[in-house]
């Protein structure tokens, strides 16, 4: 996956990212495309790359970014 190239995270950060992604996916409708899940994952990786470490904040910001990119 291209989004992970050149990126390194501590085990604690990976755990926070995993928690954020799992929680974010749980809020999505049952029938969600893999592209939307990948977009969430990319948003979370981007947030962690910028220094965010709070899983709840990563979840909320990733969902907001996904919503902002959603077609009307």
PDB file of N, CA and C in Angstrom:
ATOM      1  N   UNK A   1       0.845  -1.169   0.000  1.00  0.00           N
ATOM      2  CA  UNK A   1       0.000   0.000   0.000  1.00  0.00           C
ATOM      3  C   UNK A   1       0.895   1.238   0.000  1.00  0.00           C
ATOM      4  N   UNK A   2       0.709   2.136  -0.886  1.00  0.00           N
ATOM      5  CA  UNK A   2       1.566   3.300  -1.050  1.00  0.00           C
ATOM      6  C   UNK A   2       1.570   4.213   0.168  1.00  0.00           C
ATOM      7  N   UNK A   3       0.465   4.317   0.902  1.00  0.00           N
ATOM      8  CA  UNK A   3       0.400   5.276   1.999  1.00  0.00           C
ATOM      9  C   UNK A   3       1.382   4.971   3.113  1.00  0.00           C
ATOM     10  N   UNK A   4       1.920   3.756   3.172  1.00  0.00           N
ATOM     11  CA  UNK A   4       2.831   3.392   4.242  1.00  0.00           C
ATOM     12  C   UNK A   4       4.292   3.500   3.842  1.00  0.00           C
ATOM     13  N   UNK A   5       4.593   3.823   2.623  1.00  0.00           N
ATOM     14  CA  UNK A   5       5.980   3.899   2.179  1.00  0.00           C
ATOM     15  C   UNK A   5       6.707   5.029   2.898  1.00  0.00           C
ATOM     16  N   UNK A   6       7.868   4.690   3.475  1.00  0.00           N
ATOM     17  CA  UNK A   6       8.677   5.698   4.126  1.00  0.00           C
ATOM     18  C   UNK A   6       8.147   6.171   5.460  1.00  0.00           C
ATOM     19  N   UNK A   7       7.169   5.457   6.016  1.00  0.00           N
ATOM     20  CA  UNK A   7       6.561   5.855   7.268  1.00  0.00           C
ATOM     21  C   UNK A   7       6.906   4.842   8.344  1.00  0.00           C
ATOM     22  N   UNK A   8       7.236   5.337   9.527  1.00  0.00           N
ATOM     23  CA  UNK A   8       7.570   4.470  10.642  1.00  0.00           C
ATOM     24  C   UNK A   8       6.843   4.962  11.888  1.00  0.00           C
ATOM     25  N   UNK A   9       6.195   4.045  12.613  1.00  0.00           N
ATOM     26  CA  UNK A   9       5.461   4.392  13.822  1.00  0.00           C
ATOM     27  C   UNK A   9       5.850   3.446  14.943  1.00  0.00           C
ATOM     28  N   UNK A  10       5.770   3.939  16.160  1.00  0.00           N
ATOM     29  CA  UNK A  10       6.029   3.108  17.333  1.00  0.00           C
ATOM     30  C   UNK A  10       4.877   2.117  17.518  1.00  0.00           C
ATOM     31  N   UNK A  11       5.108   1.047  18.256  1.00  0.00           N
ATOM     32  CA  UNK A  11       4.018   0.097  18.527  1.00  0.00           C
ATOM     33  C   UNK A  11       2.813   0.769  19.207  1.00  0.00           C
ATOM     34  N   UNK A  12       3.084   1.743  20.075  1.00  0.00           N
ATOM     35  CA  UNK A  12       1.989   2.439  20.759  1.00  0.00           C
ATOM     36  C   UNK A  12       1.156   3.255  19.769  1.00  0.00           C
ATOM     37  N   UNK A  13       1.827   3.890  18.819  1.00  0.00           N
ATOM     38  CA  UNK A  13       1.113   4.683  17.816  1.00  0.00           C
ATOM     39  C   UNK A  13       0.315   3.769  16.897  1.00  0.00           C
ATOM     40  N   UNK A  14       0.877   2.637  16.527  1.00  0.00           N
ATOM     41  CA  UNK A  14       0.151   1.681  15.683  1.00  0.00           C
ATOM     42  C   UNK A  14      -1.093   1.183  16.414  1.00  0.00           C
ATOM     43  N   UNK A  15      -0.975   0.937  17.702  1.00  0.00           N
ATOM     44  CA  UNK A  15      -2.134   0.502  18.489  1.00  0.00           C
ATOM     45  C   UNK A  15      -3.208   1.587  18.508  1.00  0.00           C
ATOM     46  N   UNK A  16      -2.807   2.844  18.663  1.00  0.00           N
ATOM     47  CA  UNK A  16      -3.766   3.955  18.660  1.00  0.00           C
ATOM     48  C   UNK A  16      -4.426   4.098  17.294  1.00  0.00           C
ATOM     49  N   UNK A  17      -3.645   3.939  16.232  1.00  0.00           N
ATOM     50  CA  UNK A  17      -4.186   4.026  14.873  1.00  0.00           C
ATOM     51  C   UNK A  17      -5.180   2.892  14.617  1.00  0.00           C
ATOM     52  N   UNK A  18      -4.838   1.699  15.073  1.00  0.00           N
ATOM     53  CA  UNK A  18      -5.729   0.547  14.908  1.00  0.00           C
ATOM     54  C   UNK A  18      -7.034   0.773  15.654  1.00  0.00           C
ATOM     55  N   UNK A  19      -6.928   1.267  16.881  1.00  0.00           N
ATOM     56  CA  UNK A  19      -8.117   1.559  17.678  1.00  0.00           C
ATOM     57  C   UNK A  19      -8.990   2.599  16.977  1.00  0.00           C
ATOM     58  N   UNK A  20      -8.357   3.638  16.442  1.00  0.00           N
ATOM     59  CA  UNK A  20      -9.094   4.691  15.747  1.00  0.00           C
ATOM     60  C   UNK A  20      -9.797   4.152  14.506  1.00  0.00           C
ATOM     61  N   UNK A  21      -9.097   3.336  13.727  1.00  0.00           N
ATOM     62  CA  UNK A  21      -9.697   2.796  12.503  1.00  0.00           C
ATOM     63  C   UNK A  21     -10.851   1.853  12.837  1.00  0.00           C
ATOM     64  N   UNK A  22     -10.640   0.963  13.801  1.00  0.00           N
ATOM     65  CA  UNK A  22     -11.712   0.036  14.184  1.00  0.00           C
ATOM     66  C   UNK A  22     -12.952   0.788  14.656  1.00  0.00           C
ATOM     67  N   UNK A  23     -12.749   1.807  15.479  1.00  0.00           N
ATOM     68  CA  UNK A  23     -13.880   2.589  15.990  1.00  0.00           C
ATOM     69  C   UNK A  23     -14.567   3.370  14.872  1.00  0.00           C
ATOM     70  N   UNK A  24     -13.796   3.904  13.945  1.00  0.00           N
ATOM     71  CA  UNK A  24     -14.368   4.664  12.829  1.00  0.00           C
ATOM     72  C   UNK A  24     -15.185   3.752  11.919  1.00  0.00           C
ATOM     73  N   UNK A  25     -14.663   2.574  11.616  1.00  0.00           N
ATOM     74  CA  UNK A  25     -15.366   1.632  10.741  1.00  0.00           C
ATOM     75  C   UNK A  25     -16.684   1.198  11.380  1.00  0.00           C
ATOM     76  N   UNK A  26     -16.698   1.047  12.700  1.00  0.00           N
ATOM     77  CA  UNK A  26     -17.928   0.653  13.396  1.00  0.00           C
ATOM     78  C   UNK A  26     -19.048   1.668  13.230  1.00  0.00           C
ATOM     79  N   UNK A  27     -18.697   2.929  12.963  1.00  0.00           N
ATOM     80  CA  UNK A  27     -19.721   3.963  12.811  1.00  0.00           C
ATOM     81  C   UNK A  27     -20.308   4.011  11.399  1.00  0.00           C
ATOM     82  N   UNK A  28     -19.660   3.326  10.458  1.00  0.00           N
ATOM     83  CA  UNK A  28     -20.112   3.363   9.069  1.00  0.00           C
ATOM     84  C   UNK A  28     -21.275   2.401   8.857  1.00  0.00           C
ATOM     85  N   UNK A  29     -22.082   2.650   7.825  1.00  0.00           N
ATOM     86  CA  UNK A  29     -23.166   1.717   7.508  1.00  0.00           C
ATOM     87  C   UNK A  29     -22.607   0.337   7.167  1.00  0.00           C
ATOM     88  N   UNK A  30     -23.429  -0.668   7.306  1.00  0.00           N
ATOM     89  CA  UNK A  30     -23.010  -2.052   7.032  1.00  0.00           C
ATOM     90  C   UNK A  30     -22.437  -2.221   5.623  1.00  0.00           C
ATOM     91  N   UNK A  31     -23.056  -1.639   4.647  1.00  0.00           N
ATOM     92  CA  UNK A  31     -22.630  -1.770   3.249  1.00  0.00           C
ATOM     93  C   UNK A  31     -21.720  -0.593   2.895  1.00  0.00           C
ATOM     94  N   UNK A  32     -20.448  -0.715   3.219  1.00  0.00           N
ATOM     95  CA  UNK A  32     -19.508   0.371   2.931  1.00  0.00           C
ATOM     96  C   UNK A  32     -18.418  -0.167   2.007  1.00  0.00           C
ATOM     97  N   UNK A  33     -18.014   0.644   1.073  1.00  0.00           N
ATOM     98  CA  UNK A  33     -17.016   0.201   0.098  1.00  0.00           C
ATOM     99  C   UNK A  33     -15.634   0.121   0.735  1.00  0.00           C
ATOM    100  N   UNK A  34     -14.815  -0.744   0.175  1.00  0.00           N
ATOM    101  CA  UNK A  34     -13.439  -0.860   0.663  1.00  0.00           C
ATOM    102  C   UNK A  34     -12.672   0.439   0.416  1.00  0.00           C
ATOM    103  N   UNK A  35     -13.060   1.180  -0.611  1.00  0.00           N
ATOM    104  CA  UNK A  35     -12.426   2.457  -0.894  1.00  0.00           C
ATOM    105  C   UNK A  35     -12.622   3.457   0.234  1.00  0.00           C
ATOM    106  N   UNK A  36     -13.795   3.428   0.848  1.00  0.00           N
ATOM    107  CA  UNK A  36     -14.059   4.342   1.973  1.00  0.00           C
ATOM    108  C   UNK A  36     -13.252   3.926   3.200  1.00  0.00           C
ATOM    109  N   UNK A  37     -13.120   2.628   3.418  1.00  0.00           N
ATOM    110  CA  UNK A  37     -12.308   2.149   4.537  1.00  0.00           C
ATOM    111  C   UNK A  37     -10.845   2.514   4.299  1.00  0.00           C
ATOM    112  N   UNK A  38     -10.373   2.371   3.067  1.00  0.00           N
ATOM    113  CA  UNK A  38      -9.001   2.755   2.743  1.00  0.00           C
ATOM    114  C   UNK A  38      -8.797   4.259   2.927  1.00  0.00           C
ATOM    115  N   UNK A  39      -9.803   5.050   2.578  1.00  0.00           N
ATOM    116  CA  UNK A  39      -9.703   6.504   2.766  1.00  0.00           C
ATOM    117  C   UNK A  39      -9.605   6.836   4.253  1.00  0.00           C
ATOM    118  N   UNK A  40     -10.387   6.141   5.075  1.00  0.00           N
ATOM    119  CA  UNK A  40     -10.286   6.334   6.520  1.00  0.00           C
ATOM    120  C   UNK A  40      -8.884   5.995   7.011  1.00  0.00           C
ATOM    121  N   UNK A  41      -8.366   4.853   6.564  1.00  0.00           N
ATOM    122  CA  UNK A  41      -7.026   4.425   6.976  1.00  0.00           C
ATOM    123  C   UNK A  41      -5.984   5.459   6.570  1.00  0.00           C
ATOM    124  N   UNK A  42      -6.092   5.969   5.362  1.00  0.00           N
ATOM    125  CA  UNK A  42      -5.135   6.979   4.893  1.00  0.00           C
ATOM    126  C   UNK A  42      -5.230   8.238   5.746  1.00  0.00           C
ATOM    127  N   UNK A  43      -6.451   8.657   6.061  1.00  0.00           N
ATOM    128  CA  UNK A  43      -6.630   9.839   6.904  1.00  0.00           C
ATOM    129  C   UNK A  43      -5.971   9.632   8.267  1.00  0.00           C
ATOM    130  N   UNK A  44      -6.134   8.455   8.837  1.00  0.00           N
ATOM    131  CA  UNK A  44      -5.555   8.165  10.151  1.00  0.00           C
ATOM    132  C   UNK A  44      -4.035   8.140  10.073  1.00  0.00           C
ATOM    133  N   UNK A  45      -3.487   7.537   9.044  1.00  0.00           N
ATOM    134  CA  UNK A  45      -2.026   7.540   8.865  1.00  0.00           C
ATOM    135  C   UNK A  45      -1.523   8.976   8.708  1.00  0.00           C
ATOM    136  N   UNK A  46      -2.225   9.772   7.934  1.00  0.00           N
ATOM    137  CA  UNK A  46      -1.823  11.169   7.765  1.00  0.00           C
ATOM    138  C   UNK A  46      -1.836  11.910   9.097  1.00  0.00           C
ATOM    139  N   UNK A  47      -2.876  11.690   9.892  1.00  0.00           N
ATOM    140  CA  UNK A  47      -2.970  12.344  11.200  1.00  0.00           C
ATOM    141  C   UNK A  47      -1.829  11.906  12.118  1.00  0.00           C
ATOM    142  N   UNK A  48      -1.548  10.612  12.137  1.00  0.00           N
ATOM    143  CA  UNK A  48      -0.452  10.107  12.969  1.00  0.00           C
ATOM    144  C   UNK A  48       0.886  10.663  12.486  1.00  0.00           C
ATOM    145  N   UNK A  49       1.035  10.813  11.188  1.00  0.00           N
ATOM    146  CA  UNK A  49       2.265  11.377  10.625  1.00  0.00           C
ATOM    147  C   UNK A  49       2.462  12.829  11.060  1.00  0.00           C
ATOM    148  N   UNK A  50       1.343  13.496  11.342  1.00  0.00           N
ATOM    149  CA  UNK A  50       1.393  14.893  11.791  1.00  0.00           C
ATOM    150  C   UNK A  50       1.532  14.991  13.309  1.00  0.00           C
ATOM    151  N   UNK A  51       1.599  13.844  13.991  1.00  0.00           N
ATOM    152  CA  UNK A  51       1.830  13.861  15.431  1.00  0.00           C
ATOM    153  C   UNK A  51       0.637  13.544  16.302  1.00  0.00           C
ATOM    154  N   UNK A  52      -0.531  13.345  15.699  1.00  0.00           N
ATOM    155  CA  UNK A  52      -1.712  13.015  16.503  1.00  0.00           C
ATOM    156  C   UNK A  52      -1.556  11.622  17.099  1.00  0.00           C
ATOM    157  N   UNK A  53      -1.892  11.460  18.378  1.00  0.00           N
ATOM    158  CA  UNK A  53      -1.766  10.165  19.034  1.00  0.00           C
ATOM    159  C   UNK A  53      -3.038   9.735  19.771  1.00  0.00           C
ATOM    160  N   UNK A  54      -4.029  10.615  19.862  1.00  0.00           N
ATOM    161  CA  UNK A  54      -5.276  10.306  20.557  1.00  0.00           C
ATOM    162  C   UNK A  54      -6.200   9.542  19.605  1.00  0.00           C
ATOM    163  N   UNK A  55      -6.516   8.267  19.920  1.00  0.00           N
ATOM    164  CA  UNK A  55      -7.335   7.473  18.998  1.00  0.00           C
ATOM    165  C   UNK A  55      -8.732   8.065  18.747  1.00  0.00           C
ATOM    166  N   UNK A  56      -9.331   8.640  19.762  1.00  0.00           N
ATOM    167  CA  UNK A  56     -10.665   9.231  19.590  1.00  0.00           C
ATOM    168  C   UNK A  56     -10.597  10.436  18.660  1.00  0.00           C
ATOM    169  N   UNK A  57      -9.590  11.252  18.836  1.00  0.00           N
ATOM    170  CA  UNK A  57      -9.424  12.424  17.967  1.00  0.00           C
ATOM    171  C   UNK A  57      -9.114  11.993  16.533  1.00  0.00           C
ATOM    172  N   UNK A  58      -8.254  10.983  16.365  1.00  0.00           N
ATOM    173  CA  UNK A  58      -7.963  10.476  15.021  1.00  0.00           C
ATOM    174  C   UNK A  58      -9.237   9.960  14.367  1.00  0.00           C
ATOM    175  N   UNK A  59     -10.035   9.224  15.122  1.00  0.00           N
ATOM    176  CA  UNK A  59     -11.296   8.693  14.582  1.00  0.00           C
ATOM    177  C   UNK A  59     -12.191   9.825  14.101  1.00  0.00           C
ATOM    178  N   UNK A  60     -12.415  10.813  14.970  1.00  0.00           N
ATOM    179  CA  UNK A  60     -13.315  11.911  14.621  1.00  0.00           C
ATOM    180  C   UNK A  60     -12.811  12.717  13.429  1.00  0.00           C
ATOM    181  N   UNK A  61     -11.526  13.037  13.432  1.00  0.00           N
ATOM    182  CA  UNK A  61     -10.972  13.821  12.321  1.00  0.00           C
ATOM    183  C   UNK A  61     -10.978  13.045  11.014  1.00  0.00           C
ATOM    184  N   UNK A  62     -10.708  11.737  11.080  1.00  0.00           N
ATOM    185  CA  UNK A  62     -10.740  10.913   9.871  1.00  0.00           C
ATOM    186  C   UNK A  62     -12.155  10.818   9.315  1.00  0.00           C
ATOM    187  N   UNK A  63     -13.143  10.678  10.196  1.00  0.00           N
ATOM    188  CA  UNK A  63     -14.540  10.626   9.745  1.00  0.00           C
ATOM    189  C   UNK A  63     -14.971  11.967   9.149  1.00  0.00           C
ATOM    190  N   UNK A  64     -14.548  13.057   9.760  1.00  0.00           N
ATOM    191  CA  UNK A  64     -14.877  14.380   9.211  1.00  0.00           C
ATOM    192  C   UNK A  64     -14.258  14.567   7.831  1.00  0.00           C
ATOM    193  N   UNK A  65     -13.018  14.143   7.668  1.00  0.00           N
ATOM    194  CA  UNK A  65     -12.364  14.257   6.359  1.00  0.00           C
ATOM    195  C   UNK A  65     -13.082  13.397   5.327  1.00  0.00           C
ATOM    196  N   UNK A  66     -13.513  12.219   5.734  1.00  0.00           N
ATOM    197  CA  UNK A  66     -14.243  11.331   4.820  1.00  0.00           C
ATOM    198  C   UNK A  66     -15.575  11.969   4.422  1.00  0.00           C
ATOM    199  N   UNK A  67     -16.252  12.551   5.389  1.00  0.00           N
ATOM    200  CA  UNK A  67     -17.534  13.216   5.118  1.00  0.00           C
ATOM    201  C   UNK A  67     -17.342  14.400   4.185  1.00  0.00           C
ATOM    202  N   UNK A  68     -16.266  15.146   4.368  1.00  0.00           N
ATOM    203  CA  UNK A  68     -16.016  16.324   3.536  1.00  0.00           C
ATOM    204  C   UNK A  68     -15.753  15.933   2.084  1.00  0.00           C
ATOM    205  N   UNK A  69     -15.190  14.720   1.868  1.00  0.00           N
ATOM    206  CA  UNK A  69     -14.898  14.272   0.507  1.00  0.00           C
ATOM    207  C   UNK A  69     -16.062  13.523  -0.132  1.00  0.00           C
ATOM    208  N   UNK A  70     -17.105  13.216   0.649  1.00  0.00           N
ATOM    209  CA  UNK A  70     -18.233  12.440   0.130  1.00  0.00           C
ATOM    210  C   UNK A  70     -19.032  13.260  -0.873  1.00  0.00           C
ATOM    211  N   UNK A  71     -19.483  12.600  -1.941  1.00  0.00           N
ATOM    212  CA  UNK A  71     -20.319  13.319  -2.909  1.00  0.00           C
ATOM    213  C   UNK A  71     -21.663  13.655  -2.287  1.00  0.00           C
ATOM    214  N   UNK A  72     -22.244  14.768  -2.701  1.00  0.00           N
ATOM    215  CA  UNK A  72     -23.548  15.199  -2.159  1.00  0.00           C
ATOM    216  C   UNK A  72     -24.668  14.297  -2.562  1.00  0.00           C
TER     217      UNK A  72
END
